[in-house]
Amino acid sequence: MKNLRYDVLVIGGGVIGGTILRKLSQYNLSVCLVEKENDVCMGQSRANSGIVHAGFDAAEGSLKAKFNVLGNRMMPALAGELGVKYRNNTSLVVAFSEEELEILQKLQKRGVANGIAAEDLPILTREELLALEPYIHPAAKGALLAKTGGIICPYELTIAAIGNAMDNGAKLYTDFAVCAICKTEGGYTVTAEDGRSLQASVVINCAGLASGKIAALVGDDIPVHGRKGDYILLDRQAHYLTDRTLFFTPTAKGKGILVSSTVDNNIILGPTATEVESDVPETTAADLAHVMQKAKEMCPNVPLGAAITSFAGIRAYNERHDFIIEESQTAKGVFHLAGIESPGLTSAPAIAEYVAEELVARYLPLVKKENFRPERQADSFFRNLTTEEKNAVIQKDPAYGRMVCRCERITEGEIRHAVRTNPPATNVDAVKRRTRAGMGRCQGGFCQSRVTEILAEELGIPMEKVTKSGGNSVLLVGKIK
C-alpha cells in the first residue's frame, strides 16, 4: 500500500469531504478519501439537524453567506441525482418580543444582500403566523418566512456522495487515522497510525473537529474547537406539530433550539450549544432538559411523551467564525477546510465545486470523464416502489419479501444491499444509517438480532465478531447452548 499514489487525497469522510470526493470523481483524476473511523459519516455529519438553510443568517460578504446561498440552490438537483430524500419545507424564524421583530427585519435585509429574492423572505404578522402554525406558542409576535429553506438527511447525503464517487473510481480507506503528512517529490506522503501510507499530489483537509490537528501536521496554526449539541427525536405520531423548521431568533452561539420536521416525518428538537474539550458526543440530563424547556417555549404542547431517542453531536468551529477554506501557509498543494460549522451541510455542494475548480485546478488539469455516472440507487429504494414493482423485485430476489425491521418496514434485501453497495456497511449502526433499520419506535429492539445475523452471513464472520459501531462494540460474547 505504501506505493499507492493518487492525484488528490481527501482527509475526512463527512459531508464536506464526501461531496468534494464526488466532485473530483467527475474528472480524469485518481482520487481517494481517508477516514479515521470504521465508516464514513461518523462525526458532525452524522448528528445534526439536517437543515438546508436559506442563507439569511450569515454575515454579508462572508464565505458562509456565499456558499450557503449557492449550496441551497444546488441541493435539490444533487439530492435527486443521489437518490437522497430532500424536501423544501420552508422555515420560520419566530419573534417573541418587539426587539426580536427588529432582528427579523435585519435578517431579511441581510438575506436579500446575500442573494435571496426579497419575495422569498416575507415577514409574517402574528395572525399570519398562527394561521400557518396553529401549535406555535400564542405569545409569538411574528416570523420571518424563508421560502427556500429545506430539510435533508445528512448521513444519507454523505454516504450517497461517497458511494457515487466510489462507483466512479474513487477509493476509500477507513480506520485510517492520519498522524503524519510529509513532503515528497511531487507531493506528499500521508501516513496513518497503523503504519499504512499513501502518496498524493494534492491533499485536502476536511477533518472536521480534527481539522486543526491535521493542519498542525504541516505547520499551520488553525485552532478548531468543539461545541456539543443535544437532540431529542420524536416518533412520527408527533408530526402534526409542524411540517416546517421553527427557529428562535439567532444568538452569538448559533441558531439555537429548533423544532423541525425531518425528511422521514419525525420531529427533531435541539440542539444545545455547549463548549466541550472532549470529542465524545455524550448527552447530559441538563442539556436535554434545556431542549425540552425551549421546545415548549416554541410549541407549548409539544408531545414529549412521543420521544423515541436522544443523541448528541459535536460541531467544529473556529475563532474566525467563518469558513476557513485556504491553502497551507507552509505546504503548497495542501488545502485546509477547517472549522466548517453551520451552514456547512447546506454549503457542501458549492464548497465542493469551488475546491475542485478553483483550488485543485491550480495544480492538476480538470478533464471531465466521458463515462461519469451521476446517479445512484438509494439504499432505501425498495420502499418507494409501487406494489407491482416490489413484486417484480421479490421475484428476482426473495430476500426483499422478508421483513426485518417492522417499525420502518425494512426488508432483508435492503440490508444485504447496504452491505454490498459502496461504501459497504460493516456493522449494525452502519446498516441503520443506510436503511433506517433500527430507527423506529422500538429502536432496534426487534430487528437488531436479525441484522446482526445478516451481517455475519454477508461478511463471513462469526456473530460474536459483529459490532454495533466498530472497534470493541461487540453485541455478543458467545453461545449459551
Protein backbone atom coordinates (compact mmCIF):
# COMPACT_ATOMS: atom_id res chain seq x y z
CA MET A 1 0.00 0.00 0.00
CA LYS A 2 2.97 2.35 0.56
CA ASN A 3 3.50 2.73 -3.19
CA LEU A 4 -0.09 3.74 -3.95
CA ARG A 5 -0.22 7.25 -5.38
CA TYR A 6 -3.21 9.47 -6.09
CA ASP A 7 -3.68 12.83 -7.69
CA VAL A 8 -5.82 14.01 -4.75
CA LEU A 9 -6.22 12.65 -1.23
CA VAL A 10 -9.13 13.89 0.89
CA ILE A 11 -8.92 13.60 4.68
CA GLY A 12 -12.30 13.22 6.42
CA GLY A 13 -15.42 11.28 5.48
CA GLY A 14 -18.04 13.85 6.39
CA VAL A 15 -20.37 15.72 4.06
CA ILE A 16 -17.67 18.24 3.02
CA GLY A 17 -15.10 15.56 2.23
CA GLY A 18 -17.73 13.37 0.62
CA THR A 19 -19.10 16.00 -1.75
CA ILE A 20 -15.57 17.07 -2.69
CA LEU A 21 -14.64 13.45 -3.44
CA ARG A 22 -17.71 13.08 -5.64
CA LYS A 23 -16.98 16.31 -7.50
CA LEU A 24 -13.38 15.24 -8.14
CA SER A 25 -14.53 11.81 -9.35
CA GLN A 26 -16.15 13.57 -12.32
CA TYR A 27 -12.68 14.29 -13.73
CA ASN A 28 -9.86 12.12 -15.09
CA LEU A 29 -8.10 12.13 -11.74
CA SER A 30 -7.13 9.37 -9.33
CA VAL A 31 -8.73 10.33 -6.02
CA CYS A 32 -9.14 8.76 -2.60
CA LEU A 33 -10.60 9.56 0.80
CA VAL A 34 -9.20 8.51 4.17
CA GLU A 35 -11.35 8.35 7.30
CA LYS A 36 -10.13 7.64 10.84
CA GLU A 37 -13.32 5.80 11.87
CA ASN A 38 -14.50 2.43 10.60
CA ASP A 39 -17.22 4.03 8.46
CA VAL A 40 -17.91 7.35 6.78
CA CYS A 41 -20.20 9.99 8.27
CA MET A 42 -19.17 9.32 11.87
CA GLY A 43 -18.63 12.93 13.00
CA GLN A 44 -20.78 16.05 12.86
CA SER A 45 -22.37 14.96 9.56
CA ARG A 46 -23.91 12.02 11.42
CA ALA A 47 -25.62 14.02 14.15
CA ASN A 48 -27.00 17.36 13.07
CA SER A 49 -30.33 18.98 12.32
CA GLY A 50 -30.40 18.22 8.59
CA ILE A 51 -31.50 21.76 7.73
CA VAL A 52 -30.90 23.24 4.28
CA HIS A 53 -30.61 26.86 5.33
CA ALA A 54 -31.90 29.67 3.13
CA GLY A 55 -28.89 31.94 3.71
CA PHE A 56 -30.15 34.97 5.65
CA ASP A 57 -28.20 34.35 8.85
CA ALA A 58 -24.56 34.61 7.72
CA ALA A 59 -22.85 38.00 7.61
CA GLU A 60 -22.86 39.72 4.24
CA GLY A 61 -19.63 39.10 2.33
CA SER A 62 -18.63 36.04 4.38
CA LEU A 63 -17.81 32.66 2.92
CA LYS A 64 -20.75 31.30 4.89
CA ALA A 65 -23.12 33.66 3.08
CA LYS A 66 -21.63 32.97 -0.34
CA PHE A 67 -21.61 29.19 -0.16
CA ASN A 68 -24.88 28.90 1.79
CA VAL A 69 -26.98 30.60 -0.88
CA LEU A 70 -25.21 28.75 -3.71
CA GLY A 71 -25.46 25.41 -1.92
CA ASN A 72 -29.14 25.93 -1.19
CA ARG A 73 -29.79 26.30 -4.93
CA MET A 74 -27.69 23.25 -5.80
CA MET A 75 -29.08 20.87 -3.18
CA PRO A 76 -32.33 19.73 -4.85
CA ALA A 77 -30.54 18.58 -8.02
CA LEU A 78 -27.75 16.89 -6.05
CA ALA A 79 -30.25 15.05 -3.86
CA GLY A 80 -32.16 13.95 -6.95
CA GLU A 81 -29.07 12.52 -8.61
CA LEU A 82 -28.01 10.65 -5.49
CA GLY A 83 -31.45 9.33 -4.55
CA VAL A 84 -31.40 11.21 -1.24
CA LYS A 85 -34.57 12.44 0.45
CA TYR A 86 -34.92 16.23 0.31
CA ARG A 87 -37.91 18.47 0.96
CA ASN A 88 -38.39 22.22 0.51
CA ASN A 89 -40.41 22.51 3.71
CA THR A 90 -39.58 26.24 4.31
CA SER A 91 -38.52 27.65 7.68
CA LEU A 92 -39.68 30.30 10.13
CA VAL A 93 -37.65 32.50 12.47
CA VAL A 94 -40.08 33.35 15.23
CA ALA A 95 -40.02 36.60 17.23
CA PHE A 96 -41.39 36.79 20.77
CA SER A 97 -40.68 40.47 21.52
CA GLU A 98 -40.53 43.85 19.82
CA GLU A 99 -36.74 43.66 19.90
CA GLU A 100 -36.82 40.33 18.11
CA LEU A 101 -39.17 41.74 15.46
CA GLU A 102 -36.46 44.29 14.72
CA ILE A 103 -33.93 41.45 14.39
CA LEU A 104 -36.22 39.81 11.80
CA GLN A 105 -36.02 42.96 9.69
CA LYS A 106 -32.22 42.86 9.90
CA LEU A 107 -32.19 39.19 8.90
CA GLN A 108 -34.49 39.93 5.97
CA LYS A 109 -32.25 42.77 4.79
CA ARG A 110 -29.15 40.57 5.20
CA GLY A 111 -30.74 37.72 3.29
CA VAL A 112 -31.53 39.97 0.33
CA ALA A 113 -27.96 41.30 0.40
CA ASN A 114 -26.72 37.69 0.38
CA GLY A 115 -28.66 36.97 -2.82
CA ILE A 116 -32.05 35.69 -1.68
CA ALA A 117 -35.01 37.12 -3.58
CA ALA A 118 -36.99 39.55 -1.43
CA GLU A 119 -40.26 37.75 -2.21
CA ASP A 120 -38.76 34.59 -0.70
CA LEU A 121 -38.23 36.31 2.68
CA PRO A 122 -41.51 37.87 3.79
CA ILE A 123 -42.13 38.87 7.40
CA LEU A 124 -45.41 37.46 8.70
CA THR A 125 -47.73 39.10 11.19
CA ARG A 126 -48.80 37.24 14.31
CA GLU A 127 -52.10 36.37 12.68
CA GLU A 128 -50.44 35.06 9.52
CA LEU A 129 -48.00 33.00 11.59
CA LEU A 130 -50.69 31.40 13.74
CA ALA A 131 -52.70 30.56 10.63
CA LEU A 132 -49.70 28.64 9.27
CA GLU A 133 -48.60 27.13 12.59
CA PRO A 134 -51.57 26.52 14.92
CA TYR A 135 -49.43 24.74 17.54
CA ILE A 136 -46.90 27.54 17.95
CA HIS A 137 -46.85 29.48 21.22
CA PRO A 138 -49.58 32.17 21.21
CA ALA A 139 -47.07 34.69 22.61
CA ALA A 140 -45.32 34.78 19.21
CA LYS A 141 -45.45 38.23 17.63
CA GLY A 142 -44.42 37.40 14.06
CA ALA A 143 -41.91 35.50 11.98
CA LEU A 144 -39.55 35.64 9.03
CA LEU A 145 -40.62 33.06 6.44
CA ALA A 146 -37.75 31.59 4.41
CA LYS A 147 -39.41 30.03 1.39
CA THR A 148 -36.20 28.43 0.11
CA GLY A 149 -35.43 26.62 3.38
CA GLY A 150 -35.44 22.84 3.26
CA ILE A 151 -34.52 19.62 5.02
CA ILE A 152 -32.36 16.66 4.02
CA CYS A 153 -30.90 13.58 5.69
CA PRO A 154 -27.25 14.49 6.40
CA TYR A 155 -25.91 10.96 6.68
CA GLU A 156 -27.82 9.77 3.61
CA LEU A 157 -26.29 12.62 1.62
CA THR A 158 -22.76 11.88 2.87
CA ILE A 159 -22.97 8.13 2.28
CA ALA A 160 -24.53 8.59 -1.16
CA ALA A 161 -21.93 11.14 -2.27
CA ILE A 162 -19.04 8.92 -1.24
CA GLY A 163 -20.73 5.83 -2.67
CA ASN A 164 -21.30 7.54 -6.01
CA ALA A 165 -17.68 8.70 -6.07
CA MET A 166 -16.54 5.12 -5.40
CA ASP A 167 -18.80 3.84 -8.19
CA ASN A 168 -16.92 6.28 -10.43
CA GLY A 169 -13.48 5.05 -9.42
CA ALA A 170 -12.65 6.84 -6.16
CA LYS A 171 -11.08 4.79 -3.35
CA LEU A 172 -11.99 4.78 0.35
CA TYR A 173 -9.68 3.86 3.23
CA THR A 174 -11.32 3.56 6.65
CA ASP A 175 -9.64 3.16 10.06
CA PHE A 176 -7.00 5.49 8.60
CA ALA A 177 -6.12 7.91 11.42
CA VAL A 178 -3.66 10.35 9.87
CA CYS A 179 -0.63 11.01 12.06
CA ALA A 180 1.89 12.47 9.58
CA ILE A 181 1.97 14.40 6.31
CA CYS A 182 5.47 14.59 4.82
CA LYS A 183 6.67 16.42 1.72
CA THR A 184 7.98 14.17 -1.01
CA GLU A 185 8.99 14.73 -4.59
CA GLY A 186 5.90 15.86 -6.47
CA GLY A 187 3.55 15.79 -3.49
CA TYR A 188 3.04 14.34 -0.03
CA THR A 189 3.10 11.05 1.86
CA VAL A 190 0.15 10.73 4.25
CA THR A 191 0.70 8.15 7.00
CA ALA A 192 -1.81 6.52 9.35
CA GLU A 193 -1.23 5.48 12.96
CA ASP A 194 -1.19 1.81 11.92
CA GLY A 195 1.71 2.42 9.55
CA ARG A 196 -0.19 2.49 6.26
CA SER A 197 0.74 5.32 3.94
CA LEU A 198 -0.47 6.84 0.69
CA GLN A 199 1.03 9.40 -1.65
CA ALA A 200 -0.77 12.27 -3.34
CA SER A 201 -0.01 15.38 -5.35
CA VAL A 202 -2.74 17.39 -3.58
CA VAL A 203 -4.08 16.90 -0.04
CA ILE A 204 -7.42 18.32 1.14
CA ASN A 205 -8.01 18.56 4.88
CA CYS A 206 -11.73 18.15 5.68
CA ALA A 207 -11.26 16.50 9.06
CA GLY A 208 -13.98 18.41 10.92
CA LEU A 209 -13.24 18.54 14.63
CA ALA A 210 -9.70 17.28 13.91
CA SER A 211 -9.03 19.72 11.06
CA GLY A 212 -6.86 21.91 13.29
CA LYS A 213 -4.74 18.92 14.31
CA ILE A 214 -4.31 17.90 10.67
CA ALA A 215 -3.29 21.46 9.79
CA ALA A 216 -0.66 21.34 12.52
CA LEU A 217 0.95 18.31 10.82
CA VAL A 218 2.16 20.63 8.04
CA GLY A 219 2.99 23.51 10.37
CA ASP A 220 -0.20 25.59 10.16
CA ASP A 221 -1.82 27.04 13.29
CA ILE A 222 -5.60 26.85 12.90
CA PRO A 223 -7.34 26.47 16.28
CA VAL A 224 -10.55 24.45 16.00
CA HIS A 225 -12.90 23.95 18.93
CA GLY A 226 -15.94 21.81 19.68
CA ARG A 227 -19.49 22.77 20.56
CA LYS A 228 -21.82 19.94 21.60
CA GLY A 229 -25.46 19.83 20.60
CA ASP A 230 -28.02 17.55 22.28
CA TYR A 231 -31.15 16.45 20.39
CA ILE A 232 -34.42 14.70 21.12
CA LEU A 233 -36.21 12.80 18.35
CA LEU A 234 -39.98 12.30 18.44
CA ASP A 235 -41.95 9.49 16.83
CA ARG A 236 -43.83 10.12 13.59
CA GLN A 237 -47.09 10.35 15.56
CA ALA A 238 -45.93 13.85 16.59
CA HIS A 239 -45.58 15.06 13.02
CA TYR A 240 -48.83 17.03 13.22
CA LEU A 241 -46.87 19.60 15.29
CA THR A 242 -45.27 21.21 12.22
CA ASP A 243 -44.02 20.42 8.74
CA ARG A 244 -41.67 23.41 8.76
CA THR A 245 -38.49 24.28 10.63
CA LEU A 246 -39.15 26.64 13.52
CA PHE A 247 -36.23 28.76 14.76
CA PHE A 248 -35.90 31.19 17.61
CA THR A 249 -34.10 34.41 16.68
CA PRO A 250 -30.35 33.62 16.48
CA THR A 251 -27.70 34.36 19.11
CA ALA A 252 -23.91 34.59 19.03
CA LYS A 253 -23.69 30.84 19.72
CA GLY A 254 -25.81 29.85 16.76
CA LYS A 255 -29.37 29.42 15.66
CA GLY A 256 -30.48 27.98 18.98
CA ILE A 257 -33.02 25.25 19.73
CA LEU A 258 -35.29 24.42 16.81
CA VAL A 259 -38.43 22.41 16.34
CA SER A 260 -38.41 20.81 12.92
CA SER A 261 -39.78 18.09 10.74
CA THR A 262 -37.29 15.61 9.31
CA VAL A 263 -37.42 14.14 5.81
CA ASP A 264 -38.66 10.90 7.40
CA ASN A 265 -41.55 12.72 9.12
CA ASN A 266 -40.23 12.62 12.66
CA ILE A 267 -39.95 15.78 14.75
CA ILE A 268 -36.48 16.79 15.92
CA LEU A 269 -35.83 19.12 18.88
CA GLY A 270 -32.46 20.78 19.53
CA PRO A 271 -29.56 21.38 19.51
CA THR A 272 -27.96 22.86 22.59
CA ALA A 273 -24.61 24.64 22.26
CA THR A 274 -22.20 23.52 24.98
CA GLU A 275 -18.47 24.20 24.71
CA VAL A 276 -16.57 20.92 25.14
CA GLU A 277 -12.97 19.70 25.09
CA SER A 278 -13.83 16.04 24.51
CA ASP A 279 -14.66 14.58 21.11
CA VAL A 280 -17.12 12.08 22.64
CA PRO A 281 -20.71 13.19 21.93
CA GLU A 282 -22.50 12.30 25.17
CA THR A 283 -25.92 13.64 26.10
CA THR A 284 -26.49 15.09 29.56
CA ALA A 285 -29.66 15.39 31.61
CA ALA A 286 -29.18 19.15 31.97
CA ASP A 287 -28.80 19.73 28.22
CA LEU A 288 -31.79 17.53 27.37
CA ALA A 289 -33.86 19.39 29.98
CA HIS A 290 -32.88 22.64 28.25
CA VAL A 291 -34.00 21.23 24.90
CA MET A 292 -37.39 20.30 26.37
CA GLN A 293 -37.81 23.69 28.03
CA LYS A 294 -37.05 25.65 24.87
CA ALA A 295 -39.19 23.36 22.71
CA LYS A 296 -42.14 24.11 25.00
CA GLU A 297 -41.46 27.82 24.64
CA MET A 298 -41.89 27.39 20.89
CA CYS A 299 -44.72 24.85 20.95
CA PRO A 300 -46.28 24.63 24.44
CA ASN A 301 -47.99 21.30 23.81
CA VAL A 302 -45.03 19.51 22.21
CA PRO A 303 -45.69 15.80 22.88
CA LEU A 304 -42.51 14.87 24.73
CA GLY A 305 -44.05 11.50 25.56
CA ALA A 306 -43.50 10.61 21.91
CA ALA A 307 -39.70 10.81 22.30
CA ILE A 308 -38.02 7.68 20.93
CA THR A 309 -34.35 8.59 21.34
CA SER A 310 -31.87 11.32 22.21
CA PHE A 311 -28.40 11.86 20.83
CA ALA A 312 -25.61 14.42 20.60
CA GLY A 313 -23.15 15.67 18.02
CA ILE A 314 -20.07 17.86 18.34
CA ARG A 315 -19.80 20.71 15.86
CA ALA A 316 -16.41 22.13 14.91
CA TYR A 317 -15.93 25.88 14.84
CA ASN A 318 -13.00 28.24 14.53
CA GLU A 319 -12.13 31.58 16.06
CA ARG A 320 -12.73 33.48 12.81
CA HIS A 321 -16.41 32.45 12.93
CA ASP A 322 -16.41 31.94 9.18
CA PHE A 323 -15.47 29.01 6.98
CA ILE A 324 -11.72 28.56 6.65
CA ILE A 325 -11.00 27.43 3.10
CA GLU A 326 -7.40 28.16 2.21
CA GLU A 327 -4.11 26.80 1.05
CA SER A 328 -1.49 25.93 3.66
CA GLN A 329 0.96 28.69 4.50
CA THR A 330 3.83 26.19 4.59
CA ALA A 331 2.87 23.30 2.30
CA LYS A 332 1.81 24.16 -1.23
CA GLY A 333 -0.83 21.81 -2.57
CA VAL A 334 -2.33 21.20 0.87
CA PHE A 335 -5.72 22.86 1.39
CA HIS A 336 -7.48 23.30 4.73
CA LEU A 337 -11.24 23.35 5.16
CA ALA A 338 -11.26 23.90 8.90
CA GLY A 339 -13.98 24.53 11.44
CA ILE A 340 -16.79 24.24 8.90
CA GLU A 341 -19.82 24.77 11.14
CA SER A 342 -23.42 25.55 10.20
CA PRO A 343 -24.39 26.14 7.41
CA GLY A 344 -21.74 23.64 6.29
CA LEU A 345 -24.24 20.97 5.28
CA THR A 346 -26.14 23.38 3.03
CA SER A 347 -22.91 24.80 1.63
CA ALA A 348 -21.29 21.43 0.87
CA PRO A 349 -22.11 21.16 -2.86
CA ALA A 350 -20.98 24.74 -3.52
CA ILE A 351 -17.81 24.28 -1.47
CA ALA A 352 -17.03 21.09 -3.41
CA GLU A 353 -17.36 22.91 -6.73
CA TYR A 354 -15.10 25.73 -5.50
CA VAL A 355 -12.42 23.36 -4.16
CA ALA A 356 -12.28 21.42 -7.42
CA GLU A 357 -12.50 24.28 -9.90
CA GLU A 358 -10.59 26.99 -8.02
CA LEU A 359 -8.13 25.16 -5.74
CA VAL A 360 -7.30 21.73 -7.15
CA ALA A 361 -7.23 23.24 -10.65
CA ARG A 362 -4.16 25.25 -9.62
CA TYR A 363 -2.14 22.04 -9.59
CA LEU A 364 -3.95 19.47 -11.73
CA PRO A 365 -5.76 19.62 -15.09
CA LEU A 366 -9.52 19.07 -14.79
CA VAL A 367 -10.72 17.00 -17.73
CA LYS A 368 -14.28 15.70 -17.46
CA LYS A 369 -14.80 11.92 -17.68
CA GLU A 370 -16.88 10.80 -20.61
CA ASN A 371 -18.34 7.90 -18.64
CA PHE A 372 -19.12 9.62 -15.31
CA ARG A 373 -22.36 8.28 -13.82
CA PRO A 374 -24.03 10.90 -11.60
CA GLU A 375 -26.99 8.79 -10.49
CA ARG A 376 -27.01 6.40 -7.54
CA GLN A 377 -29.71 3.98 -6.49
CA ALA A 378 -30.75 4.81 -2.95
CA ASP A 379 -30.21 2.18 -0.27
CA SER A 380 -33.89 2.69 0.60
CA PHE A 381 -35.16 2.41 -2.96
CA PHE A 382 -37.44 -0.57 -2.30
CA ARG A 383 -39.94 1.19 -0.03
CA ASN A 384 -40.63 3.80 -2.71
CA LEU A 385 -41.65 1.28 -5.36
CA THR A 386 -45.22 0.51 -6.36
CA THR A 387 -46.72 -2.83 -5.32
CA GLU A 388 -46.18 -4.17 -8.83
CA GLU A 389 -42.56 -3.01 -8.83
CA LYS A 390 -41.95 -4.54 -5.41
CA ASN A 391 -43.35 -7.86 -6.56
CA ALA A 392 -41.06 -7.79 -9.58
CA VAL A 393 -38.03 -7.20 -7.34
CA ILE A 394 -39.10 -10.00 -4.99
CA GLN A 395 -39.41 -12.36 -7.95
CA LYS A 396 -35.74 -11.72 -8.73
CA ASP A 397 -34.58 -11.70 -5.09
CA PRO A 398 -36.91 -13.24 -2.46
CA ALA A 399 -34.91 -11.51 0.31
CA TYR A 400 -36.90 -8.36 -0.46
CA GLY A 401 -40.03 -10.20 0.57
CA ARG A 402 -38.80 -10.87 4.12
CA MET A 403 -39.46 -8.08 6.61
CA VAL A 404 -36.73 -7.44 9.21
CA CYS A 405 -37.48 -4.03 10.73
CA ARG A 406 -41.20 -3.77 11.39
CA CYS A 407 -41.16 -0.14 12.60
CA GLU A 408 -39.54 1.20 9.43
CA ARG A 409 -40.63 -1.69 7.19
CA ILE A 410 -37.11 -2.57 6.04
CA THR A 411 -36.54 -5.89 4.32
CA GLU A 412 -33.70 -8.37 4.34
CA GLY A 413 -32.95 -7.46 0.73
CA GLU A 414 -32.37 -3.81 1.63
CA ILE A 415 -29.97 -4.77 4.42
CA ARG A 416 -27.97 -7.08 2.18
CA HIS A 417 -27.95 -4.35 -0.49
CA ALA A 418 -26.42 -1.91 2.03
CA VAL A 419 -23.62 -4.37 2.85
CA ARG A 420 -22.85 -4.96 -0.83
CA THR A 421 -23.08 -1.34 -2.03
CA ASN A 422 -20.41 1.40 -1.85
CA PRO A 423 -19.47 2.35 0.79
CA PRO A 424 -20.29 -1.04 2.36
CA ALA A 425 -21.99 -1.25 5.75
CA THR A 426 -19.94 -3.43 8.11
CA ASN A 427 -21.72 -3.01 11.46
CA VAL A 428 -25.20 -2.56 12.89
CA ASP A 429 -25.12 1.24 13.10
CA ALA A 430 -23.79 1.45 9.53
CA VAL A 431 -26.80 -0.58 8.36
CA LYS A 432 -29.03 1.71 10.40
CA ARG A 433 -27.68 4.86 8.73
CA ARG A 434 -28.18 3.42 5.26
CA THR A 435 -31.55 1.71 5.62
CA ARG A 436 -33.17 3.09 8.83
CA ALA A 437 -33.41 -0.45 10.23
CA GLY A 438 -33.49 0.20 13.98
CA MET A 439 -34.52 3.85 13.78
CA GLY A 440 -38.18 3.33 14.55
CA ARG A 441 -40.13 3.42 17.77
CA CYS A 442 -38.57 0.27 19.23
CA GLN A 443 -35.02 1.47 18.35
CA GLY A 444 -33.87 -1.93 17.15
CA GLY A 445 -35.45 -3.95 19.94
CA PHE A 446 -36.95 -6.42 17.45
CA CYS A 447 -34.67 -6.25 14.43
CA GLN A 448 -31.14 -5.90 15.82
CA SER A 449 -30.60 -9.63 16.27
CA ARG A 450 -31.61 -10.39 12.68
CA VAL A 451 -29.47 -7.52 11.33
CA THR A 452 -26.54 -8.98 13.27
CA GLU A 453 -27.17 -12.39 11.76
CA ILE A 454 -27.34 -10.98 8.21
CA LEU A 455 -24.11 -9.03 8.74
CA ALA A 456 -22.34 -12.17 9.92
CA GLU A 457 -23.50 -14.04 6.83
CA GLU A 458 -22.57 -11.25 4.41
CA LEU A 459 -19.16 -10.54 5.98
CA GLY A 460 -18.30 -14.20 6.51
CA ILE A 461 -17.57 -13.76 10.22
CA PRO A 462 -19.00 -15.27 13.44
CA MET A 463 -21.88 -13.36 15.00
CA GLU A 464 -19.64 -12.70 18.00
CA LYS A 465 -17.43 -10.57 15.73
CA VAL A 466 -20.24 -8.31 14.54
CA THR A 467 -20.10 -4.91 16.22
CA LYS A 468 -22.61 -2.18 16.88
CA SER A 469 -20.36 0.63 15.68
CA GLY A 470 -16.89 -0.81 15.10
CA GLY A 471 -13.97 -1.18 17.48
CA ASN A 472 -14.77 -3.22 20.57
CA SER A 473 -18.53 -2.62 20.48
CA VAL A 474 -19.38 -6.31 20.15
CA LEU A 475 -23.00 -7.32 20.71
CA LEU A 476 -22.49 -10.98 21.55
CA VAL A 477 -19.79 -12.78 23.53
CA GLY A 478 -20.71 -16.42 22.86
CA LYS A 479 -23.41 -19.07 22.63
CA ILE A 480 -25.30 -20.31 25.66
CA LYS A 481 -26.25 -23.62 24.04
